Amino acid sequence: MDRRPPRNTAAGGFALATGALGGALIGAAGFHQPTIGLLVGVGVGTIIALAVWLVDRR
């Protein structure tokens, strides 16, 4: 029997949410294009969330 305690995993959802909100705010305030900022933020947040997932798999 394996008696190791269960391992806590990291979550990348925070990066995804922060990227979406931050992108929308920066896009709206700086460029008057909140939708483009939102899309860029979601893209960056997705990349960070995937990186967290890949590192956590090891």
PDB file of N, CA and C in Angstrom:
ATOM      1  N   MET A   1       0.830  -1.182   0.000  1.00  0.00           N
ATOM      2  CA  MET A   1       0.000   0.000   0.000  1.00  0.00           C
ATOM      3  C   MET A   1       0.874   1.245   0.000  1.00  0.00           C
ATOM      4  N   ASP A   2       0.433   2.216  -0.726  1.00  0.00           N
ATOM      5  CA  ASP A   2       1.142   3.488  -0.806  1.00  0.00           C
ATOM      6  C   ASP A   2       0.542   4.444   0.217  1.00  0.00           C
ATOM      7  N   ARG A   3       1.364   4.886   1.186  1.00  0.00           N
ATOM      8  CA  ARG A   3       0.869   5.721   2.277  1.00  0.00           C
ATOM      9  C   ARG A   3       1.244   7.189   2.121  1.00  0.00           C
ATOM     10  N   ARG A   4       1.594   7.622   0.918  1.00  0.00           N
ATOM     11  CA  ARG A   4       1.932   9.038   0.738  1.00  0.00           C
ATOM     12  C   ARG A   4       0.677   9.894   0.852  1.00  0.00           C
ATOM     13  N   PRO A   5       0.808  11.074   1.444  1.00  0.00           N
ATOM     14  CA  PRO A   5      -0.365  11.966   1.530  1.00  0.00           C
ATOM     15  C   PRO A   5      -0.730  12.467   0.127  1.00  0.00           C
ATOM     16  N   PRO A   6      -1.991  12.786  -0.103  1.00  0.00           N
ATOM     17  CA  PRO A   6      -2.384  13.302  -1.412  1.00  0.00           C
ATOM     18  C   PRO A   6      -1.666  14.612  -1.718  1.00  0.00           C
ATOM     19  N   ARG A   7      -1.316  14.773  -2.964  1.00  0.00           N
ATOM     20  CA  ARG A   7      -0.549  15.937  -3.387  1.00  0.00           C
ATOM     21  C   ARG A   7      -1.493  17.068  -3.771  1.00  0.00           C
ATOM     22  N   ASN A   8      -1.185  18.283  -3.320  1.00  0.00           N
ATOM     23  CA  ASN A   8      -1.962  19.455  -3.707  1.00  0.00           C
ATOM     24  C   ASN A   8      -1.534  19.885  -5.102  1.00  0.00           C
ATOM     25  N   THR A   9      -2.489  20.107  -5.968  1.00  0.00           N
ATOM     26  CA  THR A   9      -2.166  20.528  -7.324  1.00  0.00           C
ATOM     27  C   THR A   9      -2.367  22.032  -7.467  1.00  0.00           C
ATOM     28  N   ALA A  10      -1.646  22.615  -8.401  1.00  0.00           N
ATOM     29  CA  ALA A  10      -1.769  24.048  -8.658  1.00  0.00           C
ATOM     30  C   ALA A  10      -2.913  24.283  -9.642  1.00  0.00           C
ATOM     31  N   ALA A  11      -3.490  25.462  -9.571  1.00  0.00           N
ATOM     32  CA  ALA A  11      -4.595  25.802 -10.454  1.00  0.00           C
ATOM     33  C   ALA A  11      -4.217  27.006 -11.303  1.00  0.00           C
ATOM     34  N   GLY A  12      -4.526  26.939 -12.594  1.00  0.00           N
ATOM     35  CA  GLY A  12      -4.204  28.035 -13.497  1.00  0.00           C
ATOM     36  C   GLY A  12      -5.392  28.929 -13.784  1.00  0.00           C
ATOM     37  N   GLY A  13      -6.517  28.685 -13.153  1.00  0.00           N
ATOM     38  CA  GLY A  13      -7.712  29.481 -13.408  1.00  0.00           C
ATOM     39  C   GLY A  13      -7.552  30.938 -12.997  1.00  0.00           C
ATOM     40  N   PHE A  14      -6.747  31.168 -11.973  1.00  0.00           N
ATOM     41  CA  PHE A  14      -6.509  32.538 -11.541  1.00  0.00           C
ATOM     42  C   PHE A  14      -5.822  33.334 -12.642  1.00  0.00           C
ATOM     43  N   ALA A  15      -4.845  32.724 -13.309  1.00  0.00           N
ATOM     44  CA  ALA A  15      -4.135  33.406 -14.395  1.00  0.00           C
ATOM     45  C   ALA A  15      -5.085  33.711 -15.543  1.00  0.00           C
ATOM     46  N   LEU A  16      -5.977  32.796 -15.829  1.00  0.00           N
ATOM     47  CA  LEU A  16      -6.937  33.004 -16.915  1.00  0.00           C
ATOM     48  C   LEU A  16      -7.894  34.153 -16.594  1.00  0.00           C
ATOM     49  N   ALA A  17      -8.418  34.171 -15.378  1.00  0.00           N
ATOM     50  CA  ALA A  17      -9.352  35.232 -14.986  1.00  0.00           C
ATOM     51  C   ALA A  17      -8.658  36.589 -14.905  1.00  0.00           C
ATOM     52  N   THR A  18      -7.456  36.599 -14.325  1.00  0.00           N
ATOM     53  CA  THR A  18      -6.716  37.851 -14.207  1.00  0.00           C
ATOM     54  C   THR A  18      -6.332  38.391 -15.582  1.00  0.00           C
ATOM     55  N   GLY A  19      -5.954  37.493 -16.484  1.00  0.00           N
ATOM     56  CA  GLY A  19      -5.614  37.919 -17.838  1.00  0.00           C
ATOM     57  C   GLY A  19      -6.798  38.537 -18.556  1.00  0.00           C
ATOM     58  N   ALA A  20      -7.969  37.927 -18.400  1.00  0.00           N
ATOM     59  CA  ALA A  20      -9.169  38.446 -19.057  1.00  0.00           C
ATOM     60  C   ALA A  20      -9.546  39.822 -18.498  1.00  0.00           C
ATOM     61  N   LEU A  21      -9.586  39.946 -17.190  1.00  0.00           N
ATOM     62  CA  LEU A  21      -9.958  41.229 -16.583  1.00  0.00           C
ATOM     63  C   LEU A  21      -8.910  42.306 -16.845  1.00  0.00           C
ATOM     64  N   GLY A  22      -7.650  41.937 -16.669  1.00  0.00           N
ATOM     65  CA  GLY A  22      -6.579  42.900 -16.902  1.00  0.00           C
ATOM     66  C   GLY A  22      -6.522  43.357 -18.347  1.00  0.00           C
ATOM     67  N   GLY A  23      -6.687  42.424 -19.269  1.00  0.00           N
ATOM     68  CA  GLY A  23      -6.678  42.780 -20.681  1.00  0.00           C
ATOM     69  C   GLY A  23      -7.818  43.708 -21.051  1.00  0.00           C
ATOM     70  N   ALA A  24      -9.000  43.435 -20.512  1.00  0.00           N
ATOM     71  CA  ALA A  24     -10.141  44.301 -20.796  1.00  0.00           C
ATOM     72  C   ALA A  24      -9.935  45.703 -20.222  1.00  0.00           C
ATOM     73  N   LEU A  25      -9.408  45.777 -19.015  1.00  0.00           N
ATOM     74  CA  LEU A  25      -9.180  47.085 -18.393  1.00  0.00           C
ATOM     75  C   LEU A  25      -8.089  47.871 -19.118  1.00  0.00           C
ATOM     76  N   ILE A  26      -6.986  47.204 -19.429  1.00  0.00           N
ATOM     77  CA  ILE A  26      -5.901  47.884 -20.139  1.00  0.00           C
ATOM     78  C   ILE A  26      -6.336  48.270 -21.545  1.00  0.00           C
ATOM     79  N   GLY A  27      -7.061  47.376 -22.208  1.00  0.00           N
ATOM     80  CA  GLY A  27      -7.545  47.687 -23.557  1.00  0.00           C
ATOM     81  C   GLY A  27      -8.514  48.854 -23.564  1.00  0.00           C
ATOM     82  N   ALA A  28      -9.372  48.917 -22.556  1.00  0.00           N
ATOM     83  CA  ALA A  28     -10.351  50.007 -22.498  1.00  0.00           C
ATOM     84  C   ALA A  28      -9.692  51.327 -22.115  1.00  0.00           C
ATOM     85  N   ALA A  29      -8.817  51.289 -21.140  1.00  0.00           N
ATOM     86  CA  ALA A  29      -8.214  52.527 -20.655  1.00  0.00           C
ATOM     87  C   ALA A  29      -7.156  53.066 -21.606  1.00  0.00           C
ATOM     88  N   GLY A  30      -6.370  52.185 -22.176  1.00  0.00           N
ATOM     89  CA  GLY A  30      -5.246  52.637 -22.977  1.00  0.00           C
ATOM     90  C   GLY A  30      -5.537  52.790 -24.454  1.00  0.00           C
ATOM     91  N   PHE A  31      -6.397  51.925 -24.988  1.00  0.00           N
ATOM     92  CA  PHE A  31      -6.571  51.893 -26.438  1.00  0.00           C
ATOM     93  C   PHE A  31      -8.021  52.058 -26.891  1.00  0.00           C
ATOM     94  N   HIS A  32      -8.945  52.185 -25.956  1.00  0.00           N
ATOM     95  CA  HIS A  32     -10.375  52.296 -26.257  1.00  0.00           C
ATOM     96  C   HIS A  32     -10.872  51.097 -27.057  1.00  0.00           C
ATOM     97  N   GLN A  33     -10.274  49.926 -26.785  1.00  0.00           N
ATOM     98  CA  GLN A  33     -10.657  48.679 -27.449  1.00  0.00           C
ATOM     99  C   GLN A  33     -10.732  47.555 -26.403  1.00  0.00           C
ATOM    100  N   PRO A  34     -11.786  47.543 -25.582  1.00  0.00           N
ATOM    101  CA  PRO A  34     -11.834  46.541 -24.511  1.00  0.00           C
ATOM    102  C   PRO A  34     -11.963  45.105 -25.027  1.00  0.00           C
ATOM    103  N   THR A  35     -12.618  44.910 -26.162  1.00  0.00           N
ATOM    104  CA  THR A  35     -12.791  43.554 -26.673  1.00  0.00           C
ATOM    105  C   THR A  35     -11.457  42.958 -27.117  1.00  0.00           C
ATOM    106  N   ILE A  36     -10.662  43.738 -27.806  1.00  0.00           N
ATOM    107  CA  ILE A  36      -9.346  43.257 -28.229  1.00  0.00           C
ATOM    108  C   ILE A  36      -8.475  42.992 -27.001  1.00  0.00           C
ATOM    109  N   GLY A  37      -8.528  43.875 -26.015  1.00  0.00           N
ATOM    110  CA  GLY A  37      -7.782  43.654 -24.783  1.00  0.00           C
ATOM    111  C   GLY A  37      -8.221  42.390 -24.071  1.00  0.00           C
ATOM    112  N   LEU A  38      -9.528  42.142 -24.068  1.00  0.00           N
ATOM    113  CA  LEU A  38     -10.057  40.929 -23.450  1.00  0.00           C
ATOM    114  C   LEU A  38      -9.513  39.697 -24.160  1.00  0.00           C
ATOM    115  N   LEU A  39      -9.527  39.695 -25.466  1.00  0.00           N
ATOM    116  CA  LEU A  39      -9.042  38.539 -26.223  1.00  0.00           C
ATOM    117  C   LEU A  39      -7.555  38.311 -26.010  1.00  0.00           C
ATOM    118  N   VAL A  40      -6.789  39.385 -26.009  1.00  0.00           N
ATOM    119  CA  VAL A  40      -5.352  39.253 -25.756  1.00  0.00           C
ATOM    120  C   VAL A  40      -5.117  38.754 -24.331  1.00  0.00           C
ATOM    121  N   GLY A  41      -5.858  39.285 -23.383  1.00  0.00           N
ATOM    122  CA  GLY A  41      -5.722  38.850 -21.993  1.00  0.00           C
ATOM    123  C   GLY A  41      -6.086  37.392 -21.791  1.00  0.00           C
ATOM    124  N   VAL A  42      -7.132  36.934 -22.460  1.00  0.00           N
ATOM    125  CA  VAL A  42      -7.512  35.523 -22.368  1.00  0.00           C
ATOM    126  C   VAL A  42      -6.419  34.648 -22.991  1.00  0.00           C
ATOM    127  N   GLY A  43      -5.852  35.113 -24.092  1.00  0.00           N
ATOM    128  CA  GLY A  43      -4.768  34.356 -24.724  1.00  0.00           C
ATOM    129  C   GLY A  43      -3.555  34.235 -23.827  1.00  0.00           C
ATOM    130  N   VAL A  44      -3.150  35.340 -23.236  1.00  0.00           N
ATOM    131  CA  VAL A  44      -1.991  35.323 -22.329  1.00  0.00           C
ATOM    132  C   VAL A  44      -2.297  34.484 -21.088  1.00  0.00           C
ATOM    133  N   GLY A  45      -3.500  34.642 -20.543  1.00  0.00           N
ATOM    134  CA  GLY A  45      -3.894  33.851 -19.374  1.00  0.00           C
ATOM    135  C   GLY A  45      -3.934  32.360 -19.673  1.00  0.00           C
ATOM    136  N   THR A  46      -4.361  31.995 -20.876  1.00  0.00           N
ATOM    137  CA  THR A  46      -4.387  30.588 -21.272  1.00  0.00           C
ATOM    138  C   THR A  46      -2.972  30.025 -21.359  1.00  0.00           C
ATOM    139  N   ILE A  47      -2.059  30.803 -21.913  1.00  0.00           N
ATOM    140  CA  ILE A  47      -0.672  30.347 -22.010  1.00  0.00           C
ATOM    141  C   ILE A  47      -0.079  30.140 -20.615  1.00  0.00           C
ATOM    142  N   ILE A  48      -0.350  31.068 -19.713  1.00  0.00           N
ATOM    143  CA  ILE A  48       0.157  30.931 -18.340  1.00  0.00           C
ATOM    144  C   ILE A  48      -0.486  29.733 -17.646  1.00  0.00           C
ATOM    145  N   ALA A  49      -1.800  29.540 -17.838  1.00  0.00           N
ATOM    146  CA  ALA A  49      -2.486  28.408 -17.212  1.00  0.00           C
ATOM    147  C   ALA A  49      -1.948  27.078 -17.750  1.00  0.00           C
ATOM    148  N   LEU A  50      -1.667  27.011 -19.041  1.00  0.00           N
ATOM    149  CA  LEU A  50      -1.083  25.795 -19.600  1.00  0.00           C
ATOM    150  C   LEU A  50       0.319  25.545 -19.054  1.00  0.00           C
ATOM    151  N   ALA A  51       1.088  26.611 -18.874  1.00  0.00           N
ATOM    152  CA  ALA A  51       2.429  26.459 -18.303  1.00  0.00           C
ATOM    153  C   ALA A  51       2.345  25.949 -16.869  1.00  0.00           C
ATOM    154  N   VAL A  52       1.413  26.471 -16.096  1.00  0.00           N
ATOM    155  CA  VAL A  52       1.234  26.000 -14.713  1.00  0.00           C
ATOM    156  C   VAL A  52       0.840  24.530 -14.712  1.00  0.00           C
ATOM    157  N   TRP A  53      -0.035  24.150 -15.610  1.00  0.00           N
ATOM    158  CA  TRP A  53      -0.490  22.759 -15.696  1.00  0.00           C
ATOM    159  C   TRP A  53       0.665  21.830 -16.080  1.00  0.00           C
ATOM    160  N   LEU A  54       1.475  22.257 -17.058  1.00  0.00           N
ATOM    161  CA  LEU A  54       2.598  21.418 -17.477  1.00  0.00           C
ATOM    162  C   LEU A  54       3.634  21.266 -16.375  1.00  0.00           C
ATOM    163  N   VAL A  55       3.931  22.337 -15.662  1.00  0.00           N
ATOM    164  CA  VAL A  55       4.886  22.244 -14.562  1.00  0.00           C
ATOM    165  C   VAL A  55       4.323  21.388 -13.432  1.00  0.00           C
ATOM    166  N   ASP A  56       3.033  21.477 -13.176  1.00  0.00           N
ATOM    167  CA  ASP A  56       2.412  20.725 -12.083  1.00  0.00           C
ATOM    168  C   ASP A  56       2.328  19.234 -12.394  1.00  0.00           C
ATOM    169  N   ARG A  57       2.318  18.872 -13.662  1.00  0.00           N
ATOM    170  CA  ARG A  57       2.234  17.457 -14.023  1.00  0.00           C
ATOM    171  C   ARG A  57       3.466  16.677 -13.595  1.00  0.00           C
ATOM    172  N   ARG A  58       4.603  17.338 -13.485  1.00  0.00           N
ATOM    173  CA  ARG A  58       5.855  16.639 -13.145  1.00  0.00           C
ATOM    174  C   ARG A  58       5.849  16.169 -11.755  1.00  0.00           C
TER     175      ARG A  58
END
